[in-house]
Amino acid sequence: MDIFKDLWKFIRDRKAFWLAPLIIIFVILGVLLVFGGSSAVAPFIYSLF
C-alpha cells in the first residue's frame, strides 16, 4: 500500500491529475485479467477484448 501513497503524493505535488484516469484504467484491466484467468467468467471477459 506504500506505493499507492507515494503515487498519490507524486500526482498531488506535481499537479499531474491527468495521470489518475490512466492509473484507474490500468487497475481495472489488471483486475479483469486476474479474474479472467481463473474464473468461470473468463469466456465473457475474453470476448470484450
PDB file of N, CA and C in Angstrom:
ATOM      1  N   MET A   1       0.826  -1.199   0.000  1.00  0.00           N
ATOM      2  CA  MET A   1       0.000   0.000   0.000  1.00  0.00           C
ATOM      3  C   MET A   1       0.865   1.256   0.000  1.00  0.00           C
ATOM      4  N   ASP A   2       2.117   1.112   0.337  1.00  0.00           N
ATOM      5  CA  ASP A   2       3.001   2.265   0.387  1.00  0.00           C
ATOM      6  C   ASP A   2       3.214   2.865  -1.000  1.00  0.00           C
ATOM      7  N   ILE A   3       3.221   2.021  -2.012  1.00  0.00           N
ATOM      8  CA  ILE A   3       3.426   2.535  -3.372  1.00  0.00           C
ATOM      9  C   ILE A   3       2.248   3.407  -3.814  1.00  0.00           C
ATOM     10  N   PHE A   4       1.046   3.070  -3.365  1.00  0.00           N
ATOM     11  CA  PHE A   4      -0.116   3.885  -3.718  1.00  0.00           C
ATOM     12  C   PHE A   4      -0.052   5.255  -3.039  1.00  0.00           C
ATOM     13  N   LYS A   5       0.440   5.265  -1.799  1.00  0.00           N
ATOM     14  CA  LYS A   5       0.601   6.544  -1.107  1.00  0.00           C
ATOM     15  C   LYS A   5       1.635   7.411  -1.814  1.00  0.00           C
ATOM     16  N   ASP A   6       2.749   6.797  -2.202  1.00  0.00           N
ATOM     17  CA  ASP A   6       3.779   7.550  -2.914  1.00  0.00           C
ATOM     18  C   ASP A   6       3.279   8.051  -4.261  1.00  0.00           C
ATOM     19  N   LEU A   7       2.527   7.211  -4.951  1.00  0.00           N
ATOM     20  CA  LEU A   7       1.981   7.608  -6.248  1.00  0.00           C
ATOM     21  C   LEU A   7       1.003   8.766  -6.100  1.00  0.00           C
ATOM     22  N   TRP A   8       0.133   8.695  -5.107  1.00  0.00           N
ATOM     23  CA  TRP A   8      -0.822   9.772  -4.887  1.00  0.00           C
ATOM     24  C   TRP A   8      -0.107  11.063  -4.507  1.00  0.00           C
ATOM     25  N   LYS A   9       0.939  10.960  -3.673  1.00  0.00           N
ATOM     26  CA  LYS A   9       1.707  12.143  -3.292  1.00  0.00           C
ATOM     27  C   LYS A   9       2.389  12.762  -4.513  1.00  0.00           C
ATOM     28  N   PHE A  10       2.927  11.933  -5.390  1.00  0.00           N
ATOM     29  CA  PHE A  10       3.549  12.433  -6.613  1.00  0.00           C
ATOM     30  C   PHE A  10       2.539  13.170  -7.478  1.00  0.00           C
ATOM     31  N   ILE A  11       1.365  12.558  -7.671  1.00  0.00           N
ATOM     32  CA  ILE A  11       0.326  13.184  -8.501  1.00  0.00           C
ATOM     33  C   ILE A  11      -0.125  14.506  -7.893  1.00  0.00           C
ATOM     34  N   ARG A  12      -0.303  14.519  -6.577  1.00  0.00           N
ATOM     35  CA  ARG A  12      -0.773  15.730  -5.904  1.00  0.00           C
ATOM     36  C   ARG A  12       0.280  16.836  -5.926  1.00  0.00           C
ATOM     37  N   ASP A  13       1.534  16.492  -5.649  1.00  0.00           N
ATOM     38  CA  ASP A  13       2.586  17.505  -5.594  1.00  0.00           C
ATOM     39  C   ASP A  13       2.911  18.073  -6.967  1.00  0.00           C
ATOM     40  N   ARG A  14       2.907  17.228  -7.983  1.00  0.00           N
ATOM     41  CA  ARG A  14       3.271  17.677  -9.329  1.00  0.00           C
ATOM     42  C   ARG A  14       2.084  18.223 -10.123  1.00  0.00           C
ATOM     43  N   LYS A  15       0.901  18.187  -9.519  1.00  0.00           N
ATOM     44  CA  LYS A  15      -0.330  18.641 -10.180  1.00  0.00           C
ATOM     45  C   LYS A  15      -0.559  17.874 -11.477  1.00  0.00           C
ATOM     46  N   ALA A  16      -0.297  16.590 -11.437  1.00  0.00           N
ATOM     47  CA  ALA A  16      -0.439  15.739 -12.621  1.00  0.00           C
ATOM     48  C   ALA A  16      -1.700  14.887 -12.488  1.00  0.00           C
ATOM     49  N   PHE A  17      -2.815  15.532 -12.314  1.00  0.00           N
ATOM     50  CA  PHE A  17      -4.071  14.805 -12.110  1.00  0.00           C
ATOM     51  C   PHE A  17      -4.538  14.083 -13.366  1.00  0.00           C
ATOM     52  N   TRP A  18      -3.942  14.382 -14.506  1.00  0.00           N
ATOM     53  CA  TRP A  18      -4.295  13.674 -15.727  1.00  0.00           C
ATOM     54  C   TRP A  18      -3.816  12.229 -15.668  1.00  0.00           C
ATOM     55  N   LEU A  19      -2.917  11.896 -14.744  1.00  0.00           N
ATOM     56  CA  LEU A  19      -2.454  10.508 -14.607  1.00  0.00           C
ATOM     57  C   LEU A  19      -3.476   9.623 -13.893  1.00  0.00           C
ATOM     58  N   ALA A  20      -4.352  10.205 -13.118  1.00  0.00           N
ATOM     59  CA  ALA A  20      -5.308   9.427 -12.333  1.00  0.00           C
ATOM     60  C   ALA A  20      -6.206   8.529 -13.204  1.00  0.00           C
ATOM     61  N   PRO A  21      -6.808   9.023 -14.288  1.00  0.00           N
ATOM     62  CA  PRO A  21      -7.624   8.136 -15.118  1.00  0.00           C
ATOM     63  C   PRO A  21      -6.824   6.994 -15.736  1.00  0.00           C
ATOM     64  N   LEU A  22      -5.571   7.269 -16.113  1.00  0.00           N
ATOM     65  CA  LEU A  22      -4.734   6.204 -16.676  1.00  0.00           C
ATOM     66  C   LEU A  22      -4.469   5.108 -15.649  1.00  0.00           C
ATOM     67  N   ILE A  23      -4.194   5.507 -14.435  1.00  0.00           N
ATOM     68  CA  ILE A  23      -3.918   4.537 -13.379  1.00  0.00           C
ATOM     69  C   ILE A  23      -5.166   3.728 -13.075  1.00  0.00           C
ATOM     70  N   ILE A  24      -6.310   4.381 -13.039  1.00  0.00           N
ATOM     71  CA  ILE A  24      -7.568   3.677 -12.773  1.00  0.00           C
ATOM     72  C   ILE A  24      -7.857   2.660 -13.871  1.00  0.00           C
ATOM     73  N   ILE A  25      -7.638   3.031 -15.121  1.00  0.00           N
ATOM     74  CA  ILE A  25      -7.870   2.103 -16.229  1.00  0.00           C
ATOM     75  C   ILE A  25      -6.925   0.905 -16.147  1.00  0.00           C
ATOM     76  N   PHE A  26      -5.648   1.163 -15.820  1.00  0.00           N
ATOM     77  CA  PHE A  26      -4.696   0.064 -15.685  1.00  0.00           C
ATOM     78  C   PHE A  26      -5.082  -0.878 -14.549  1.00  0.00           C
ATOM     79  N   VAL A  27      -5.573  -0.335 -13.446  1.00  0.00           N
ATOM     80  CA  VAL A  27      -6.006  -1.175 -12.324  1.00  0.00           C
ATOM     81  C   VAL A  27      -7.209  -2.021 -12.722  1.00  0.00           C
ATOM     82  N   ILE A  28      -8.169  -1.424 -13.412  1.00  0.00           N
ATOM     83  CA  ILE A  28      -9.352  -2.166 -13.853  1.00  0.00           C
ATOM     84  C   ILE A  28      -8.962  -3.285 -14.815  1.00  0.00           C
ATOM     85  N   LEU A  29      -8.081  -2.994 -15.765  1.00  0.00           N
ATOM     86  CA  LEU A  29      -7.624  -4.028 -16.693  1.00  0.00           C
ATOM     87  C   LEU A  29      -6.878  -5.141 -15.971  1.00  0.00           C
ATOM     88  N   GLY A  30      -6.080  -4.782 -14.997  1.00  0.00           N
ATOM     89  CA  GLY A  30      -5.371  -5.791 -14.212  1.00  0.00           C
ATOM     90  C   GLY A  30      -6.322  -6.699 -13.451  1.00  0.00           C
ATOM     91  N   VAL A  31      -7.352  -6.117 -12.857  1.00  0.00           N
ATOM     92  CA  VAL A  31      -8.344  -6.918 -12.140  1.00  0.00           C
ATOM     93  C   VAL A  31      -9.087  -7.837 -13.108  1.00  0.00           C
ATOM     94  N   LEU A  32      -9.448  -7.330 -14.275  1.00  0.00           N
ATOM     95  CA  LEU A  32     -10.118  -8.160 -15.273  1.00  0.00           C
ATOM     96  C   LEU A  32      -9.237  -9.328 -15.720  1.00  0.00           C
ATOM     97  N   LEU A  33      -7.950  -9.076 -15.892  1.00  0.00           N
ATOM     98  CA  LEU A  33      -7.050 -10.152 -16.298  1.00  0.00           C
ATOM     99  C   LEU A  33      -6.888 -11.203 -15.212  1.00  0.00           C
ATOM    100  N   VAL A  34      -6.830 -10.777 -13.969  1.00  0.00           N
ATOM    101  CA  VAL A  34      -6.699 -11.738 -12.865  1.00  0.00           C
ATOM    102  C   VAL A  34      -7.953 -12.589 -12.751  1.00  0.00           C
ATOM    103  N   PHE A  35      -9.118 -11.961 -12.783  1.00  0.00           N
ATOM    104  CA  PHE A  35     -10.363 -12.716 -12.680  1.00  0.00           C
ATOM    105  C   PHE A  35     -10.633 -13.516 -13.946  1.00  0.00           C
ATOM    106  N   GLY A  36     -10.213 -13.001 -15.077  1.00  0.00           N
ATOM    107  CA  GLY A  36     -10.449 -13.689 -16.343  1.00  0.00           C
ATOM    108  C   GLY A  36      -9.633 -14.945 -16.491  1.00  0.00           C
ATOM    109  N   GLY A  37      -8.500 -15.008 -15.851  1.00  0.00           N
ATOM    110  CA  GLY A  37      -7.650 -16.173 -15.978  1.00  0.00           C
ATOM    111  C   GLY A  37      -8.045 -17.321 -15.079  1.00  0.00           C
ATOM    112  N   SER A  38      -8.832 -17.061 -14.045  1.00  0.00           N
ATOM    113  CA  SER A  38      -9.081 -18.118 -13.063  1.00  0.00           C
ATOM    114  C   SER A  38     -10.548 -18.238 -12.643  1.00  0.00           C
ATOM    115  N   SER A  39     -11.463 -17.870 -13.494  1.00  0.00           N
ATOM    116  CA  SER A  39     -12.866 -17.963 -13.087  1.00  0.00           C
ATOM    117  C   SER A  39     -13.722 -18.470 -14.239  1.00  0.00           C
ATOM    118  N   ALA A  40     -14.976 -18.713 -13.927  1.00  0.00           N
ATOM    119  CA  ALA A  40     -15.916 -19.175 -14.940  1.00  0.00           C
ATOM    120  C   ALA A  40     -16.385 -18.028 -15.835  1.00  0.00           C
ATOM    121  N   VAL A  41     -16.038 -16.818 -15.502  1.00  0.00           N
ATOM    122  CA  VAL A  41     -16.434 -15.646 -16.270  1.00  0.00           C
ATOM    123  C   VAL A  41     -15.433 -15.378 -17.397  1.00  0.00           C
ATOM    124  N   ALA A  42     -14.372 -16.155 -17.461  1.00  0.00           N
ATOM    125  CA  ALA A  42     -13.289 -15.933 -18.421  1.00  0.00           C
ATOM    126  C   ALA A  42     -13.768 -15.810 -19.873  1.00  0.00           C
ATOM    127  N   PRO A  43     -14.640 -16.678 -20.371  1.00  0.00           N
ATOM    128  CA  PRO A  43     -15.053 -16.525 -21.778  1.00  0.00           C
ATOM    129  C   PRO A  43     -15.747 -15.195 -22.065  1.00  0.00           C
ATOM    130  N   PHE A  44     -16.453 -14.663 -21.093  1.00  0.00           N
ATOM    131  CA  PHE A  44     -17.149 -13.399 -21.294  1.00  0.00           C
ATOM    132  C   PHE A  44     -16.180 -12.229 -21.274  1.00  0.00           C
ATOM    133  N   ILE A  45     -15.177 -12.294 -20.411  1.00  0.00           N
ATOM    134  CA  ILE A  45     -14.175 -11.227 -20.336  1.00  0.00           C
ATOM    135  C   ILE A  45     -13.321 -11.245 -21.598  1.00  0.00           C
ATOM    136  N   TYR A  46     -12.930 -12.424 -22.068  1.00  0.00           N
ATOM    137  CA  TYR A  46     -12.096 -12.513 -23.255  1.00  0.00           C
ATOM    138  C   TYR A  46     -12.834 -12.029 -24.515  1.00  0.00           C
ATOM    139  N   SER A  47     -14.149 -12.135 -24.506  1.00  0.00           N
ATOM    140  CA  SER A  47     -14.889 -11.650 -25.660  1.00  0.00           C
ATOM    141  C   SER A  47     -14.920 -10.115 -25.711  1.00  0.00           C
ATOM    142  N   LEU A  48     -14.638  -9.442 -24.602  1.00  0.00           N
ATOM    143  CA  LEU A  48     -14.575  -7.995 -24.606  1.00  0.00           C
ATOM    144  C   LEU A  48     -13.363  -7.486 -25.355  1.00  0.00           C
ATOM    145  N   PHE A  49     -12.304  -8.269 -25.357  1.00  0.00           N
ATOM    146  CA  PHE A  49     -11.069  -7.834 -25.993  1.00  0.00           C
ATOM    147  C   PHE A  49     -10.923  -8.511 -27.322  1.00  0.00           C
TER     148      PHE A  49
END
